[in-house]
Amino acid sequence: MRIAIIGPGAMGTLFAALLKRAGQDVFLIDKDSQRAKKISRANVKVKGSGFDFEVKIKATANPQIVTFPDLVIIFVKSYDTESAL
């Protein structure tokens, strides 16, 4: 499944990492192009109760790159929802 996650904060990145680990094709969409580049270059590290892993996640500031996603998840603060759409 091709999944676009808008908002690479703590929750967006966590869900992206878990979905990627489960074998999904995940893209993080960020309004900050520099942060998107950093995410794409580095592995995302997840540590928690009972799990500890790293995954590579694609990130972009250009949502048009993510063509025909099967699912879009929005993880932004409520006051940013309108601009994220």
N, C-alpha and C. Protein backbone atom coordinates (compact mmCIF):
# COMPACT_ATOMS: atom_id res chain seq x y z
N MET A 1 0.84 -1.18 0.00
CA MET A 1 0.00 0.00 0.00
C MET A 1 0.89 1.24 0.00
N ARG A 2 0.52 2.23 -0.76
CA ARG A 2 1.25 3.50 -0.85
C ARG A 2 0.58 4.49 0.11
N ILE A 3 1.34 4.94 1.10
CA ILE A 3 0.78 5.78 2.16
C ILE A 3 1.54 7.10 2.24
N ALA A 4 0.80 8.20 2.26
CA ALA A 4 1.38 9.53 2.45
C ALA A 4 1.01 10.01 3.84
N ILE A 5 2.01 10.44 4.59
CA ILE A 5 1.76 10.98 5.92
C ILE A 5 2.19 12.44 5.92
N ILE A 6 1.22 13.31 6.18
CA ILE A 6 1.48 14.75 6.21
C ILE A 6 1.76 15.14 7.66
N GLY A 7 2.95 15.66 7.90
CA GLY A 7 3.33 16.07 9.25
C GLY A 7 4.31 15.10 9.88
N PRO A 8 5.61 15.36 9.72
CA PRO A 8 6.62 14.45 10.26
C PRO A 8 7.06 14.79 11.68
N GLY A 9 6.11 15.12 12.52
CA GLY A 9 6.44 15.31 13.93
C GLY A 9 6.58 13.96 14.61
N ALA A 10 6.47 13.94 15.91
CA ALA A 10 6.67 12.70 16.67
C ALA A 10 5.69 11.61 16.24
N MET A 11 4.42 11.93 16.16
CA MET A 11 3.42 10.91 15.82
C MET A 11 3.49 10.52 14.35
N GLY A 12 3.63 11.49 13.46
CA GLY A 12 3.72 11.18 12.04
C GLY A 12 4.92 10.31 11.71
N THR A 13 6.05 10.63 12.31
CA THR A 13 7.26 9.85 12.07
C THR A 13 7.15 8.46 12.69
N LEU A 14 6.58 8.36 13.87
CA LEU A 14 6.39 7.05 14.50
C LEU A 14 5.50 6.16 13.64
N PHE A 15 4.37 6.68 13.22
CA PHE A 15 3.47 5.88 12.38
C PHE A 15 4.13 5.51 11.05
N ALA A 16 4.87 6.45 10.47
CA ALA A 16 5.58 6.16 9.22
C ALA A 16 6.57 5.02 9.42
N ALA A 17 7.31 5.06 10.50
CA ALA A 17 8.30 4.01 10.78
C ALA A 17 7.63 2.66 11.00
N LEU A 18 6.55 2.64 11.75
CA LEU A 18 5.84 1.38 12.01
C LEU A 18 5.23 0.81 10.73
N LEU A 19 4.65 1.68 9.91
CA LEU A 19 4.07 1.22 8.64
C LEU A 19 5.16 0.74 7.68
N LYS A 20 6.28 1.43 7.64
CA LYS A 20 7.40 1.02 6.78
C LYS A 20 7.93 -0.33 7.23
N ARG A 21 8.07 -0.50 8.53
CA ARG A 21 8.55 -1.78 9.08
C ARG A 21 7.59 -2.92 8.73
N ALA A 22 6.31 -2.60 8.60
CA ALA A 22 5.30 -3.60 8.24
C ALA A 22 5.25 -3.86 6.74
N GLY A 23 6.13 -3.18 5.98
CA GLY A 23 6.23 -3.46 4.55
C GLY A 23 5.48 -2.51 3.63
N GLN A 24 4.96 -1.41 4.17
CA GLN A 24 4.22 -0.46 3.35
C GLN A 24 5.18 0.53 2.67
N ASP A 25 4.71 1.12 1.58
CA ASP A 25 5.45 2.15 0.85
C ASP A 25 5.03 3.50 1.43
N VAL A 26 5.88 4.10 2.26
CA VAL A 26 5.51 5.28 3.04
C VAL A 26 6.30 6.50 2.61
N PHE A 27 5.61 7.62 2.51
CA PHE A 27 6.22 8.92 2.26
C PHE A 27 5.80 9.88 3.36
N LEU A 28 6.75 10.62 3.91
CA LEU A 28 6.43 11.71 4.82
C LEU A 28 6.42 13.00 4.02
N ILE A 29 5.41 13.82 4.22
CA ILE A 29 5.32 15.11 3.53
C ILE A 29 5.48 16.21 4.58
N ASP A 30 6.46 17.07 4.34
CA ASP A 30 6.81 18.12 5.29
C ASP A 30 6.80 19.46 4.59
N LYS A 31 6.35 20.51 5.25
CA LYS A 31 6.39 21.83 4.63
C LYS A 31 7.81 22.41 4.62
N ASP A 32 8.69 21.85 5.43
CA ASP A 32 10.08 22.30 5.54
C ASP A 32 10.97 21.41 4.68
N SER A 33 11.43 21.93 3.55
CA SER A 33 12.21 21.11 2.61
C SER A 33 13.55 20.65 3.19
N GLN A 34 14.17 21.47 4.03
CA GLN A 34 15.44 21.06 4.64
C GLN A 34 15.25 19.88 5.59
N ARG A 35 14.19 19.92 6.37
CA ARG A 35 13.90 18.81 7.29
C ARG A 35 13.56 17.56 6.50
N ALA A 36 12.82 17.70 5.42
CA ALA A 36 12.48 16.54 4.58
C ALA A 36 13.75 15.89 4.03
N LYS A 37 14.71 16.71 3.62
CA LYS A 37 15.99 16.17 3.13
C LYS A 37 16.73 15.42 4.23
N LYS A 38 16.73 15.96 5.44
CA LYS A 38 17.39 15.29 6.56
C LYS A 38 16.76 13.94 6.85
N ILE A 39 15.44 13.90 6.84
CA ILE A 39 14.73 12.65 7.11
C ILE A 39 15.07 11.62 6.05
N SER A 40 15.09 12.04 4.79
CA SER A 40 15.38 11.11 3.70
C SER A 40 16.81 10.57 3.74
N ARG A 41 17.73 11.38 4.22
CA ARG A 41 19.14 10.95 4.26
C ARG A 41 19.45 10.01 5.43
N ALA A 42 18.77 10.16 6.54
CA ALA A 42 19.09 9.39 7.74
C ALA A 42 18.04 8.30 7.99
N ASN A 43 18.43 7.31 8.75
CA ASN A 43 17.46 6.32 9.20
C ASN A 43 16.65 6.89 10.35
N VAL A 44 15.38 6.49 10.42
CA VAL A 44 14.54 6.86 11.54
C VAL A 44 14.71 5.77 12.59
N LYS A 45 15.07 6.16 13.80
CA LYS A 45 15.29 5.21 14.89
C LYS A 45 14.09 5.22 15.81
N VAL A 46 13.58 4.03 16.12
CA VAL A 46 12.43 3.90 17.01
C VAL A 46 12.83 2.98 18.16
N LYS A 47 12.67 3.47 19.37
CA LYS A 47 12.95 2.66 20.56
C LYS A 47 11.76 2.77 21.49
N GLY A 48 11.35 1.64 22.01
CA GLY A 48 10.23 1.65 22.93
C GLY A 48 10.16 0.35 23.69
N SER A 49 9.11 0.19 24.42
CA SER A 49 8.90 -1.02 25.21
C SER A 49 8.71 -2.22 24.29
N GLY A 50 9.71 -3.06 24.20
CA GLY A 50 9.60 -4.27 23.40
C GLY A 50 10.05 -4.14 21.96
N PHE A 51 10.50 -2.97 21.53
CA PHE A 51 11.01 -2.85 20.16
C PHE A 51 12.11 -1.80 20.08
N ASP A 52 12.98 -2.02 19.12
CA ASP A 52 14.12 -1.14 18.87
C ASP A 52 14.56 -1.40 17.44
N PHE A 53 14.29 -0.45 16.53
CA PHE A 53 14.62 -0.67 15.12
C PHE A 53 14.88 0.65 14.41
N GLU A 54 15.45 0.53 13.21
CA GLU A 54 15.70 1.67 12.34
C GLU A 54 15.14 1.37 10.96
N VAL A 55 14.57 2.38 10.31
CA VAL A 55 14.07 2.23 8.94
C VAL A 55 14.43 3.47 8.14
N LYS A 56 14.47 3.30 6.84
CA LYS A 56 14.69 4.41 5.91
C LYS A 56 13.32 4.84 5.40
N ILE A 57 13.01 6.12 5.54
CA ILE A 57 11.71 6.63 5.10
C ILE A 57 11.94 7.75 4.10
N LYS A 58 11.18 7.72 3.02
CA LYS A 58 11.24 8.79 2.02
C LYS A 58 10.46 10.00 2.53
N ALA A 59 11.04 11.17 2.38
CA ALA A 59 10.36 12.40 2.79
C ALA A 59 10.53 13.46 1.72
N THR A 60 9.53 14.31 1.61
CA THR A 60 9.55 15.36 0.59
C THR A 60 8.76 16.57 1.07
N ALA A 61 9.09 17.72 0.52
CA ALA A 61 8.29 18.92 0.74
C ALA A 61 7.35 19.17 -0.43
N ASN A 62 7.45 18.33 -1.45
CA ASN A 62 6.61 18.46 -2.64
C ASN A 62 5.59 17.32 -2.68
N PRO A 63 4.36 17.58 -2.25
CA PRO A 63 3.36 16.50 -2.19
C PRO A 63 3.00 15.92 -3.56
N GLN A 64 3.31 16.63 -4.65
CA GLN A 64 2.99 16.11 -5.98
C GLN A 64 3.85 14.92 -6.36
N ILE A 65 4.96 14.72 -5.65
CA ILE A 65 5.82 13.56 -5.90
C ILE A 65 5.12 12.27 -5.50
N VAL A 66 4.27 12.36 -4.50
CA VAL A 66 3.57 11.18 -3.99
C VAL A 66 2.29 11.00 -4.80
N THR A 67 2.41 10.31 -5.92
CA THR A 67 1.26 10.16 -6.82
C THR A 67 0.38 8.99 -6.41
N PHE A 68 -0.89 9.20 -6.45
CA PHE A 68 -1.92 8.20 -6.21
C PHE A 68 -1.71 7.38 -4.94
N PRO A 69 -1.64 8.03 -3.78
CA PRO A 69 -1.53 7.24 -2.54
C PRO A 69 -2.84 6.50 -2.28
N ASP A 70 -2.73 5.34 -1.68
CA ASP A 70 -3.92 4.58 -1.28
C ASP A 70 -4.52 5.14 0.00
N LEU A 71 -3.68 5.78 0.79
CA LEU A 71 -4.10 6.30 2.08
C LEU A 71 -3.30 7.57 2.38
N VAL A 72 -3.99 8.59 2.90
CA VAL A 72 -3.32 9.80 3.36
C VAL A 72 -3.67 9.98 4.83
N ILE A 73 -2.64 10.12 5.66
CA ILE A 73 -2.82 10.33 7.10
C ILE A 73 -2.29 11.72 7.41
N ILE A 74 -3.09 12.51 8.13
CA ILE A 74 -2.69 13.87 8.48
C ILE A 74 -2.35 13.92 9.97
N PHE A 75 -1.08 14.22 10.25
CA PHE A 75 -0.58 14.33 11.62
C PHE A 75 -0.01 15.72 11.84
N VAL A 76 -0.87 16.72 11.81
CA VAL A 76 -0.44 18.09 12.09
C VAL A 76 -1.25 18.60 13.27
N LYS A 77 -0.80 19.68 13.85
CA LYS A 77 -1.55 20.32 14.93
C LYS A 77 -2.88 20.80 14.35
N SER A 78 -3.91 20.83 15.18
CA SER A 78 -5.25 21.18 14.69
C SER A 78 -5.27 22.52 13.98
N TYR A 79 -4.50 23.48 14.46
CA TYR A 79 -4.51 24.81 13.83
C TYR A 79 -3.80 24.82 12.47
N ASP A 80 -3.08 23.75 12.12
CA ASP A 80 -2.41 23.66 10.82
C ASP A 80 -3.16 22.78 9.83
N THR A 81 -4.27 22.20 10.25
CA THR A 81 -4.99 21.25 9.39
C THR A 81 -5.41 21.88 8.07
N GLU A 82 -6.00 23.05 8.11
CA GLU A 82 -6.49 23.68 6.87
C GLU A 82 -5.35 23.91 5.88
N SER A 83 -4.23 24.40 6.35
CA SER A 83 -3.11 24.65 5.42
C SER A 83 -2.48 23.35 4.94
N ALA A 84 -2.60 22.28 5.71
CA ALA A 84 -2.05 20.98 5.29
C ALA A 84 -2.86 20.37 4.16
N LEU A 85 -4.14 20.70 4.12
CA LEU A 85 -5.00 20.15 3.07
C LEU A 85 -4.73 20.84 1.76
